[in-house]
Amino acid sequence: MTKRTVNRRITQLGHSEIRAMTQACAQLKGLNMAQGVCDTAVPAIVLQAAASAIDRGDNVYSRFDGLPQLRQALAVKLLRDNGIHADPETDITVSAGATGAFHAACLALLNPGDEVILFEPYYQYHISTLLAVEAVPVIVKMASPEWSLSLDAVEQAVTKNTKALIVNSPGNPSGKVFSVQEMAGVGEIARRHDLFVFTDEIYEYFLYDGRRHVSMASLPDMAERTITIGGYSKTFSITGWRIGYSVATAQWARAIGAMNDLLYVCAPTPLQAGVASGIQALPPSFYHQLAKDYEAKRDRFCATLAQAGLRPSIPDGAYYVLADAARLPGTTGKERAMHLLERTGVAGVPGEAFFAGQEGSRYLRFSYAKTDADLDEACRRLSTLA
């Protein structure tokens, strides 16, 4: 028998359905509503600052945890917008996107066999990262269509092997925004059982209907055990730049930084400079307008889905919507997604990517982070289903 085999962990990691549908969409020259590429305009100050950094020769490694001006800008932003006190010299690690930050944190703080609780529908990459580090995902279901959370179910999921929980708010794919009460309840469970809480807050500025974002680390007695993950891929429409970060108290940040150095050395230096300038220069009105614009996109797209017979679970935040596609031909989400793509040229993600059981087969996830012209075209195409 040959010794040259792939790592056994790879057998657990299927190819991302998000990427698979993006490829299928490209082959059919369709309109990609599957991947959250966020192809809206990048703020000019962000582009200009990155270009200036390149021109002046800032093209070598930064420190493993990021440029000082970016860490300082993040510290100011975290206090102002999140109520999190973070020392830019010891608590913040800039990484290769929020996904990279999460992977470095999991490698640093989880051991093989550690159980990690996360909420369904979940983001597929969270599951994949846990499997890659040989942790054990434990699923707690949320109830549709509001994706409400039972704290009793969370409590029952905790065992002697539980090490952490993952909170994704605003959520991908559901658009769920955790309330203060839900956050406090999850935090109380984490304190009682001495658990880490990993939070994915990448969509923190995409909030609708007057909702506000609550960071777990801002709650009483939660900063020391919370690993806050964020980034600017979505907020600044720079998903290809891969600039994310983690925030943790110094003892955890040291371990996360060591893993970040090992995996990535550093995030792209001139692009860090661009993000730092954007954080420093853009006024609060930028973020308010961002939420207002995306709320309008949500309303327009969800109305079209409803008219097309694809009942949407109206998101509270982020820029995704889960739609009930049970009326489409097929018995799996993939069959329904491919039918929709072939008939209308609109690509969505099969719901099985976000659910552990059969419930996912009835859903498709769409991203409405599109230009107005592309969103209009998607709505026109989907309206032919009505």
Protein backbone atom coordinates (compact mmCIF):
# COMPACT_ATOMS: atom_id res chain seq x y z
CA MET A 1 0.00 0.00 0.00
CA THR A 2 1.33 3.41 -0.92
CA LYS A 3 2.35 5.81 1.85
CA ARG A 4 1.59 8.77 -0.39
CA THR A 5 -1.96 9.64 0.61
CA VAL A 6 -3.72 12.88 1.44
CA ASN A 7 -4.14 13.92 5.05
CA ARG A 8 -7.10 12.10 6.63
CA ARG A 9 -8.68 15.43 7.55
CA ILE A 10 -9.23 16.21 3.87
CA THR A 11 -11.73 13.36 3.63
CA GLN A 12 -14.03 15.28 6.00
CA LEU A 13 -13.77 18.54 4.09
CA GLY A 14 -16.00 18.70 1.06
CA HIS A 15 -15.48 21.38 -1.58
CA SER A 16 -17.35 24.52 -0.60
CA GLU A 17 -20.80 24.61 -2.19
CA ILE A 18 -20.40 28.37 -2.35
CA ARG A 19 -17.36 28.01 -4.62
CA ALA A 20 -18.97 25.13 -6.53
CA MET A 21 -22.03 27.20 -7.43
CA THR A 22 -19.83 30.15 -8.36
CA GLN A 23 -18.01 27.90 -10.83
CA ALA A 24 -21.27 26.48 -12.21
CA CYS A 25 -22.58 30.03 -12.61
CA ALA A 26 -19.46 31.08 -14.53
CA GLN A 27 -19.74 28.09 -16.86
CA LEU A 28 -23.33 29.00 -17.70
CA LYS A 29 -22.52 32.73 -17.81
CA GLY A 30 -25.13 33.35 -15.14
CA LEU A 31 -25.62 36.02 -12.48
CA ASN A 32 -23.77 35.05 -9.32
CA MET A 33 -25.95 35.53 -6.24
CA ALA A 34 -24.19 32.60 -4.56
CA GLN A 35 -20.91 34.04 -3.33
CA GLY A 36 -20.77 37.15 -1.16
CA VAL A 37 -18.12 38.77 -3.33
CA CYS A 38 -19.52 42.25 -2.59
CA ASP A 39 -18.95 43.83 -5.99
CA THR A 40 -20.15 47.29 -4.96
CA ALA A 41 -17.81 50.32 -5.05
CA VAL A 42 -14.73 50.56 -2.82
CA PRO A 43 -14.38 53.86 -0.90
CA ALA A 44 -11.95 56.09 -2.81
CA ILE A 45 -9.83 56.86 0.27
CA VAL A 46 -9.16 53.14 0.76
CA LEU A 47 -7.99 52.66 -2.83
CA GLN A 48 -5.89 55.82 -2.81
CA ALA A 49 -4.14 54.97 0.46
CA ALA A 50 -3.24 51.47 -0.72
CA ALA A 51 -1.92 52.81 -4.02
CA SER A 52 0.12 55.46 -2.20
CA ALA A 53 1.62 52.80 0.08
CA ILE A 54 2.70 50.80 -2.96
CA ASP A 55 4.15 53.88 -4.64
CA ARG A 56 6.22 54.86 -1.63
CA GLY A 57 7.64 51.36 -1.31
CA ASP A 58 5.66 49.93 1.61
CA ASN A 59 5.78 46.49 0.02
CA VAL A 60 7.74 44.42 2.53
CA TYR A 61 6.57 42.41 5.54
CA SER A 62 4.74 44.18 8.30
CA ARG A 63 5.02 42.94 11.86
CA PHE A 64 3.30 39.56 12.18
CA ASP A 65 0.29 41.16 13.89
CA GLY A 66 -0.10 44.04 11.46
CA LEU A 67 0.93 47.61 10.74
CA PRO A 68 0.99 49.85 13.84
CA GLN A 69 -1.34 52.40 12.22
CA LEU A 70 -3.90 49.71 11.46
CA ARG A 71 -3.77 48.22 14.94
CA GLN A 72 -4.14 51.71 16.43
CA ALA A 73 -7.05 52.53 14.12
CA LEU A 74 -8.72 49.27 15.09
CA ALA A 75 -8.26 49.99 18.80
CA VAL A 76 -10.01 53.36 18.40
CA LYS A 77 -12.81 51.83 16.33
CA LEU A 78 -13.29 48.91 18.75
CA LEU A 79 -13.77 51.25 21.70
CA ARG A 80 -16.03 53.64 19.78
CA ASP A 81 -18.23 51.16 17.93
CA ASN A 82 -18.01 47.96 19.96
CA GLY A 83 -17.32 49.00 23.55
CA ILE A 84 -14.18 46.83 23.54
CA HIS A 85 -10.99 48.05 25.21
CA ALA A 86 -8.04 46.61 23.22
CA ASP A 87 -4.35 47.41 23.56
CA PRO A 88 -3.04 47.75 19.98
CA GLU A 89 0.37 46.43 21.06
CA THR A 90 -0.81 43.23 22.73
CA ASP A 91 -4.44 42.41 21.95
CA ILE A 92 -4.98 42.82 18.18
CA THR A 93 -3.76 40.48 15.43
CA VAL A 94 -4.27 41.49 11.80
CA SER A 95 -4.64 38.42 9.62
CA ALA A 96 -5.46 37.16 6.11
CA GLY A 97 -9.13 38.00 6.29
CA ALA A 98 -11.60 37.13 9.02
CA THR A 99 -11.39 33.50 7.86
CA GLY A 100 -7.64 33.54 8.41
CA ALA A 101 -8.08 35.15 11.81
CA PHE A 102 -10.58 32.47 12.82
CA HIS A 103 -8.31 29.66 11.61
CA ALA A 104 -5.32 31.04 13.54
CA ALA A 105 -7.45 31.38 16.68
CA CYS A 106 -8.77 27.82 16.41
CA LEU A 107 -5.27 26.42 15.90
CA ALA A 108 -4.00 28.40 18.87
CA LEU A 109 -6.76 27.61 21.37
CA LEU A 110 -8.40 24.30 20.42
CA ASN A 111 -7.04 20.79 20.83
CA PRO A 112 -8.09 17.71 18.81
CA GLY A 113 -11.29 16.36 20.32
CA ASP A 114 -12.43 19.65 21.84
CA GLU A 115 -16.14 20.20 21.28
CA VAL A 116 -17.31 23.55 19.92
CA ILE A 117 -20.97 24.57 19.92
CA LEU A 118 -22.31 26.52 16.94
CA PHE A 119 -25.77 27.48 15.81
CA GLU A 120 -27.64 26.17 12.78
CA PRO A 121 -27.90 27.49 10.14
CA TYR A 122 -24.15 27.94 10.36
CA TYR A 123 -21.46 29.34 8.08
CA GLN A 124 -19.87 26.41 6.26
CA TYR A 125 -16.31 27.67 6.74
CA HIS A 126 -16.73 27.63 10.52
CA ILE A 127 -17.51 23.91 10.36
CA SER A 128 -14.66 23.27 7.91
CA THR A 129 -12.14 25.09 10.09
CA LEU A 130 -13.18 23.11 13.16
CA LEU A 131 -12.79 19.86 11.25
CA ALA A 132 -9.43 20.96 9.88
CA VAL A 133 -8.06 21.44 13.41
CA GLU A 134 -9.73 18.18 14.52
CA ALA A 135 -12.19 19.84 16.86
CA VAL A 136 -15.72 18.44 17.10
CA PRO A 137 -18.62 20.65 15.94
CA VAL A 138 -21.77 20.38 18.09
CA ILE A 139 -24.87 21.79 16.43
CA VAL A 140 -27.67 23.65 18.23
CA LYS A 141 -30.60 24.36 15.94
CA MET A 142 -32.26 27.76 15.71
CA ALA A 143 -35.96 27.90 14.83
CA SER A 144 -37.08 29.37 11.50
CA PRO A 145 -38.21 31.75 10.20
CA GLU A 146 -36.86 34.18 12.86
CA TRP A 147 -33.99 31.82 13.75
CA SER A 148 -34.78 32.08 17.44
CA LEU A 149 -32.38 30.50 19.93
CA SER A 150 -33.18 28.26 22.89
CA LEU A 151 -30.73 28.82 25.73
CA ASP A 152 -31.92 25.56 27.27
CA ALA A 153 -30.78 23.75 24.13
CA VAL A 154 -27.39 25.46 24.38
CA GLU A 155 -27.06 24.40 28.01
CA GLN A 156 -27.96 20.81 27.14
CA ALA A 157 -25.30 20.73 24.42
CA VAL A 158 -22.47 21.42 26.88
CA THR A 159 -20.43 18.38 27.93
CA LYS A 160 -17.16 17.85 29.79
CA ASN A 161 -15.41 18.09 26.40
CA THR A 162 -16.90 21.45 25.41
CA LYS A 163 -14.21 24.11 24.94
CA ALA A 164 -15.94 26.95 23.10
CA LEU A 165 -19.01 28.41 21.41
CA ILE A 166 -19.20 30.29 18.11
CA VAL A 167 -21.51 33.29 17.76
CA ASN A 168 -21.94 34.76 14.26
CA SER A 169 -23.90 38.01 14.43
CA PRO A 170 -25.05 39.42 12.08
CA GLY A 171 -25.18 35.90 10.72
CA ASN A 172 -24.29 34.19 7.48
CA PRO A 173 -26.47 32.67 5.97
CA SER A 174 -29.49 33.62 8.10
CA GLY A 175 -28.99 37.34 8.62
CA LYS A 176 -29.81 36.79 12.29
CA VAL A 177 -28.76 39.55 14.69
CA PHE A 178 -28.44 38.28 18.26
CA SER A 179 -30.27 40.40 20.81
CA VAL A 180 -28.63 41.68 23.99
CA GLN A 181 -30.65 39.11 25.93
CA GLU A 182 -29.46 36.24 23.73
CA MET A 183 -25.87 37.43 23.93
CA ALA A 184 -26.07 37.71 27.71
CA GLY A 185 -27.61 34.25 27.97
CA VAL A 186 -24.90 32.64 25.83
CA GLY A 187 -22.28 34.57 27.80
CA GLU A 188 -23.65 33.30 31.10
CA ILE A 189 -23.39 29.71 29.86
CA ALA A 190 -19.81 30.36 28.74
CA ARG A 191 -18.87 31.80 32.15
CA ARG A 192 -20.53 29.02 34.10
CA HIS A 193 -18.73 26.31 32.12
CA ASP A 194 -15.46 28.25 31.59
CA LEU A 195 -15.70 28.29 27.80
CA PHE A 196 -14.17 30.45 25.09
CA VAL A 197 -16.55 32.37 22.82
CA PHE A 198 -15.40 32.93 19.24
CA THR A 199 -17.42 35.69 17.60
CA ASP A 200 -17.62 36.37 13.88
CA GLU A 201 -18.62 40.03 13.53
CA ILE A 202 -17.60 40.65 9.91
CA TYR A 203 -21.08 42.03 9.05
CA GLU A 204 -21.34 44.34 12.07
CA TYR A 205 -22.26 47.41 10.01
CA PHE A 206 -24.96 45.70 7.94
CA LEU A 207 -27.94 46.21 10.26
CA TYR A 208 -31.60 46.80 9.39
CA ASP A 209 -34.84 48.04 10.93
CA GLY A 210 -33.10 50.00 13.69
CA ARG A 211 -31.21 47.02 15.13
CA ARG A 212 -27.87 47.51 16.83
CA HIS A 213 -24.81 45.31 16.97
CA VAL A 214 -23.72 43.93 20.33
CA SER A 215 -20.19 42.58 20.75
CA MET A 216 -19.88 39.72 23.22
CA ALA A 217 -16.59 41.10 24.56
CA SER A 218 -18.36 44.31 25.65
CA LEU A 219 -20.60 42.45 28.09
CA PRO A 220 -19.64 42.18 31.79
CA ASP A 221 -16.90 39.63 32.51
CA MET A 222 -16.75 38.44 28.88
CA ALA A 223 -13.67 40.20 27.46
CA GLU A 224 -11.19 37.73 28.94
CA ARG A 225 -12.82 34.69 27.35
CA THR A 226 -14.00 36.18 24.03
CA ILE A 227 -12.07 36.04 20.77
CA THR A 228 -13.57 38.76 18.59
CA ILE A 229 -13.14 38.22 14.84
CA GLY A 230 -13.75 41.04 12.37
CA GLY A 231 -12.56 42.57 9.15
CA TYR A 232 -13.19 45.03 6.36
CA SER A 233 -13.69 42.73 3.37
CA LYS A 234 -17.43 43.39 3.38
CA THR A 235 -17.64 46.91 4.82
CA PHE A 236 -15.19 48.34 2.27
CA SER A 237 -16.08 45.90 -0.57
CA ILE A 238 -12.53 44.50 -0.68
CA THR A 239 -13.17 40.78 -0.32
CA GLY A 240 -10.08 39.97 -2.39
CA TRP A 241 -7.72 41.98 -0.18
CA ARG A 242 -7.98 39.57 2.77
CA ILE A 243 -7.66 41.99 5.67
CA GLY A 244 -9.21 40.71 8.90
CA TYR A 245 -8.31 40.72 12.56
CA SER A 246 -8.84 39.07 15.92
CA VAL A 247 -9.05 40.71 19.34
CA ALA A 248 -8.26 38.87 22.56
CA THR A 249 -6.61 39.51 25.89
CA ALA A 250 -2.83 39.36 25.70
CA GLN A 251 -2.39 35.77 26.90
CA TRP A 252 -4.61 34.44 24.11
CA ALA A 253 -3.44 36.98 21.52
CA ARG A 254 0.17 35.84 21.91
CA ALA A 255 -0.79 32.30 20.91
CA ILE A 256 -3.02 33.50 18.07
CA GLY A 257 -0.25 35.80 16.81
CA ALA A 258 2.23 32.92 16.79
CA MET A 259 -0.12 30.86 14.63
CA ASN A 260 -0.83 33.83 12.39
CA ASP A 261 2.92 34.28 11.84
CA LEU A 262 3.31 30.59 11.04
CA LEU A 263 0.40 30.48 8.59
CA TYR A 264 0.56 33.85 6.84
CA VAL A 265 3.68 35.77 8.06
CA CYS A 266 1.54 38.89 7.71
CA ALA A 267 -1.39 40.30 5.80
CA PRO A 268 -0.54 42.26 2.59
CA THR A 269 1.23 45.39 3.83
CA PRO A 270 0.01 48.10 1.40
CA LEU A 271 -3.54 46.81 1.66
CA GLN A 272 -3.33 47.09 5.44
CA ALA A 273 -2.40 50.74 4.92
CA GLY A 274 -5.45 51.27 2.74
CA VAL A 275 -7.78 49.80 5.36
CA ALA A 276 -6.16 51.84 8.13
CA SER A 277 -6.79 55.06 6.21
CA GLY A 278 -10.40 54.07 5.56
CA ILE A 279 -11.06 53.42 9.25
CA GLN A 280 -9.45 56.72 10.22
CA ALA A 281 -11.02 58.90 7.54
CA LEU A 282 -14.55 57.67 6.87
CA PRO A 283 -17.22 59.40 9.00
CA PRO A 284 -20.12 57.73 10.83
CA SER A 285 -22.38 58.76 7.95
CA PHE A 286 -20.55 56.25 5.71
CA TYR A 287 -21.65 53.34 7.90
CA HIS A 288 -25.18 54.69 8.32
CA GLN A 289 -25.57 55.04 4.56
CA LEU A 290 -24.13 51.55 4.03
CA ALA A 291 -26.85 50.05 6.24
CA LYS A 292 -29.55 52.16 4.57
CA ASP A 293 -28.45 51.15 1.06
CA TYR A 294 -28.32 47.46 1.91
CA GLU A 295 -31.68 47.58 3.67
CA ALA A 296 -33.14 48.85 0.40
CA LYS A 297 -31.41 46.03 -1.50
CA ARG A 298 -32.80 43.52 1.01
CA ASP A 299 -36.34 44.82 0.70
CA ARG A 300 -36.28 44.81 -3.10
CA PHE A 301 -34.75 41.35 -3.41
CA CYS A 302 -36.90 39.70 -0.72
CA ALA A 303 -40.06 41.12 -2.30
CA THR A 304 -39.04 39.54 -5.60
CA LEU A 305 -38.32 36.20 -3.93
CA ALA A 306 -41.76 36.23 -2.30
CA GLN A 307 -43.47 37.05 -5.61
CA ALA A 308 -41.54 34.21 -7.26
CA GLY A 309 -42.80 31.72 -4.69
CA LEU A 310 -39.42 31.41 -2.96
CA ARG A 311 -40.47 32.51 0.54
CA PRO A 312 -37.62 34.42 2.19
CA SER A 313 -36.64 34.44 5.87
CA ILE A 314 -36.22 38.22 6.14
CA PRO A 315 -32.70 38.96 7.41
CA ASP A 316 -32.04 41.36 10.28
CA GLY A 317 -28.50 42.05 9.07
CA ALA A 318 -25.61 40.89 6.84
CA TYR A 319 -26.43 40.62 3.12
CA TYR A 320 -27.72 37.10 2.64
CA VAL A 321 -31.19 35.64 2.59
CA LEU A 322 -32.35 32.05 2.98
CA ALA A 323 -35.28 31.33 0.69
CA ASP A 324 -37.63 28.35 0.83
CA ALA A 325 -37.16 26.71 -2.57
CA ALA A 326 -39.24 23.58 -1.90
CA ARG A 327 -41.52 24.42 -4.84
CA LEU A 328 -38.63 23.98 -7.31
CA PRO A 329 -38.06 20.58 -8.94
CA GLY A 330 -35.61 18.28 -7.16
CA THR A 331 -35.16 16.50 -3.85
CA THR A 332 -31.91 18.19 -2.81
CA GLY A 333 -30.82 21.78 -2.52
CA LYS A 334 -28.21 21.19 -5.21
CA GLU A 335 -30.81 19.92 -7.68
CA ARG A 336 -33.03 22.92 -6.94
CA ALA A 337 -30.12 25.35 -7.20
CA MET A 338 -29.06 23.90 -10.56
CA HIS A 339 -32.64 24.02 -11.85
CA LEU A 340 -32.88 27.67 -10.90
CA LEU A 341 -29.51 28.46 -12.49
CA GLU A 342 -30.37 26.66 -15.73
CA ARG A 343 -33.84 28.20 -15.98
CA THR A 344 -33.15 31.79 -14.89
CA GLY A 345 -29.36 32.18 -14.91
CA VAL A 346 -29.39 33.14 -11.20
CA ALA A 347 -27.06 31.20 -8.89
CA GLY A 348 -27.79 30.47 -5.23
CA VAL A 349 -26.15 28.15 -2.71
CA PRO A 350 -27.81 24.84 -1.75
CA GLY A 351 -29.06 24.96 1.82
CA GLU A 352 -27.25 21.75 2.78
CA ALA A 353 -24.10 23.88 3.05
CA PHE A 354 -25.57 25.48 6.19
CA PHE A 355 -27.56 22.68 7.83
CA ALA A 356 -26.48 19.33 9.25
CA GLY A 357 -29.76 17.54 8.45
CA GLN A 358 -32.29 17.23 5.66
CA GLU A 359 -33.92 20.57 6.53
CA GLY A 360 -31.29 22.31 4.42
CA SER A 361 -32.51 20.71 1.20
CA ARG A 362 -35.48 23.08 1.04
CA TYR A 363 -33.40 26.26 1.21
CA LEU A 364 -31.28 28.30 -1.15
CA ARG A 365 -29.04 31.12 0.03
CA PHE A 366 -28.66 34.26 -2.04
CA SER A 367 -26.31 37.22 -1.61
CA TYR A 368 -27.69 40.64 -2.52
CA ALA A 369 -24.32 42.42 -2.21
CA LYS A 370 -24.63 43.43 -5.84
CA THR A 371 -24.64 46.61 -7.86
CA ASP A 372 -28.10 48.05 -8.40
CA ALA A 373 -27.95 47.08 -12.08
CA ASP A 374 -27.12 43.44 -11.29
CA LEU A 375 -29.75 43.32 -8.55
CA ASP A 376 -32.36 44.69 -10.98
CA GLU A 377 -31.41 42.00 -13.48
CA ALA A 378 -31.58 39.25 -10.86
CA CYS A 379 -35.03 40.43 -9.84
CA ARG A 380 -36.16 40.50 -13.47
CA ARG A 381 -34.94 36.95 -14.03
CA LEU A 382 -36.48 35.58 -10.84
CA SER A 383 -39.80 37.24 -11.61
CA THR A 384 -40.18 34.83 -14.54
CA LEU A 385 -40.82 32.07 -11.98
CA ALA A 386 -44.01 33.69 -10.74
